[in-house]
Amino acid sequence: MNSFYYMLQLIRKRPGLYLGVPSLNALVHFWHGYDCGICVEKWEKETGRNYFDNYDEAIKSGVSSGYNFTSGFLEYVADYYNISSIGGMGWQTIILKNTESDEEAFYKFFELLDIFLEQKEILLSKD
């Protein structure tokens, strides 16, 4: 299991510790920060140079974290909610629009992610 799956397990168990409150918005911001940190580390390891001192070059390099396990998740969420035209919405927006609160959206995200990953034969333990 990669480190991001492990991190998601930890956040699911104790969202208050990592996010302050169970919040899909907070989770997505955490996720982006985590992903950015991985990109910075990867670029610096590959080039031997400081990412932020060479920011323009680093950004243009297109370095990515490689966490693509949610490939297809947007389509899955849109299908789950019977949305035929997403019109630029991401999975986060779709989930938020179909739940009563950010906290409910947080738990719905994990419910949908579990089903999606199970279909991809990737298990995200809840223990």
Protein backbone atom coordinates (compact mmCIF):
# COMPACT_ATOMS: atom_id res chain seq x y z
CA MET A 1 0.00 0.00 0.00
CA ASN A 2 1.42 3.40 -0.92
CA SER A 3 1.84 6.18 1.59
CA PHE A 4 -1.18 8.14 0.41
CA TYR A 5 -3.55 5.20 0.95
CA TYR A 6 -2.07 4.87 4.41
CA MET A 7 -2.57 8.59 5.04
CA LEU A 8 -6.21 8.35 3.95
CA GLN A 9 -6.70 5.53 6.46
CA LEU A 10 -5.32 7.70 9.23
CA ILE A 11 -7.47 10.66 8.25
CA ARG A 12 -10.58 8.51 8.08
CA LYS A 13 -9.97 7.16 11.58
CA ARG A 14 -9.12 10.51 13.17
CA PRO A 15 -10.16 13.39 10.91
CA GLY A 16 -9.97 15.88 13.78
CA LEU A 17 -6.30 15.16 14.28
CA TYR A 18 -5.35 15.79 10.65
CA LEU A 19 -8.01 18.21 9.42
CA GLY A 20 -9.47 19.80 12.55
CA VAL A 21 -12.96 18.56 11.65
CA PRO A 22 -14.41 15.93 9.29
CA SER A 23 -14.61 18.07 6.16
CA LEU A 24 -14.37 17.14 2.50
CA ASN A 25 -13.06 20.62 1.69
CA ALA A 26 -10.34 20.31 4.33
CA LEU A 27 -9.48 16.82 3.08
CA VAL A 28 -9.07 18.07 -0.48
CA HIS A 29 -6.82 20.93 0.68
CA PHE A 30 -4.75 18.50 2.74
CA TRP A 31 -4.57 16.18 -0.27
CA HIS A 32 -3.31 18.96 -2.54
CA GLY A 33 -0.67 19.98 -0.01
CA TYR A 34 0.44 16.37 0.43
CA ASP A 35 0.61 15.93 -3.34
CA CYS A 36 2.59 19.17 -3.71
CA GLY A 37 5.08 17.99 -1.08
CA ILE A 38 5.61 14.74 -2.97
CA CYS A 39 6.18 16.67 -6.21
CA VAL A 40 8.72 18.98 -4.58
CA GLU A 41 10.60 16.05 -3.05
CA LYS A 42 10.57 14.12 -6.33
CA TRP A 43 11.80 17.08 -8.40
CA GLU A 44 14.59 17.87 -5.94
CA LYS A 45 15.68 14.23 -5.83
CA GLU A 46 15.70 14.00 -9.65
CA THR A 47 17.52 17.30 -10.25
CA GLY A 48 19.56 17.79 -7.08
CA ARG A 49 18.35 21.39 -6.96
CA ASN A 50 15.98 23.35 -4.76
CA TYR A 51 12.42 23.35 -6.14
CA PHE A 52 11.52 26.84 -4.95
CA ASP A 53 14.78 28.43 -6.11
CA ASN A 54 13.98 27.02 -9.57
CA TYR A 55 10.20 27.31 -9.37
CA ASP A 56 9.48 28.30 -13.00
CA GLU A 57 11.60 25.47 -14.36
CA ALA A 58 10.18 22.99 -11.86
CA ILE A 59 6.58 23.89 -12.75
CA LYS A 60 7.31 23.63 -16.47
CA SER A 61 8.88 20.20 -15.97
CA GLY A 62 5.43 18.73 -15.30
CA VAL A 63 6.68 16.61 -12.41
CA SER A 64 3.80 14.78 -10.76
CA SER A 65 3.41 12.74 -7.63
CA GLY A 66 2.19 9.73 -9.58
CA TYR A 67 -0.90 9.34 -7.39
CA ASN A 68 -3.39 8.56 -10.08
CA PHE A 69 -5.54 6.07 -8.19
CA THR A 70 -8.56 8.35 -8.55
CA SER A 71 -8.38 8.15 -12.34
CA GLY A 72 -11.97 7.43 -13.28
CA PHE A 73 -13.32 8.51 -9.88
CA LEU A 74 -14.97 11.64 -11.30
CA GLU A 75 -16.84 9.53 -13.84
CA TYR A 76 -17.82 7.05 -11.13
CA VAL A 77 -19.20 9.82 -8.87
CA ALA A 78 -21.09 11.44 -11.76
CA ASP A 79 -22.60 8.07 -12.66
CA TYR A 80 -23.47 7.37 -9.01
CA TYR A 81 -25.48 10.61 -8.89
CA ASN A 82 -26.87 10.12 -12.43
CA ILE A 83 -25.20 13.25 -13.76
CA SER A 84 -24.77 13.08 -17.51
CA SER A 85 -23.08 16.45 -18.00
CA ILE A 86 -20.61 17.45 -15.33
CA GLY A 87 -19.95 20.86 -16.90
CA GLY A 88 -16.50 21.29 -15.40
CA MET A 89 -17.46 20.06 -11.92
CA GLY A 90 -15.02 17.87 -10.09
CA TRP A 91 -15.94 14.93 -7.88
CA GLN A 92 -15.60 17.12 -4.79
CA THR A 93 -18.22 19.58 -6.06
CA ILE A 94 -20.59 16.80 -7.10
CA ILE A 95 -20.40 15.15 -3.69
CA LEU A 96 -20.85 18.48 -1.88
CA LYS A 97 -23.88 19.38 -4.01
CA ASN A 98 -25.49 16.03 -3.17
CA THR A 99 -24.98 16.10 0.59
CA GLU A 100 -26.34 18.33 3.32
CA SER A 101 -23.01 19.41 4.81
CA ASP A 102 -19.27 19.37 4.34
CA GLU A 103 -19.04 16.79 7.14
CA GLU A 104 -21.58 14.50 5.45
CA ALA A 105 -19.65 14.95 2.20
CA PHE A 106 -16.46 13.82 3.98
CA TYR A 107 -18.05 10.51 4.98
CA LYS A 108 -19.77 10.12 1.60
CA PHE A 109 -16.39 10.54 -0.11
CA PHE A 110 -14.98 7.56 1.79
CA GLU A 111 -18.10 5.50 1.09
CA LEU A 112 -17.84 6.21 -2.64
CA LEU A 113 -14.07 5.77 -2.66
CA ASP A 114 -14.37 2.36 -1.00
CA ILE A 115 -16.78 1.13 -3.66
CA PHE A 116 -14.72 2.65 -6.47
CA LEU A 117 -11.44 1.15 -5.23
CA GLU A 118 -13.09 -2.21 -4.60
CA GLN A 119 -14.18 -2.21 -8.24
CA LYS A 120 -10.55 -1.47 -9.17
CA GLU A 121 -9.54 -4.27 -6.75
CA ILE A 122 -7.69 -1.88 -4.44
CA LEU A 123 -8.59 -2.26 -0.77
CA LEU A 124 -8.43 0.74 1.54
CA SER A 125 -8.61 -0.76 5.02
CA LYS A 126 -10.95 0.86 7.54
CA ASP A 127 -9.23 -0.67 10.58
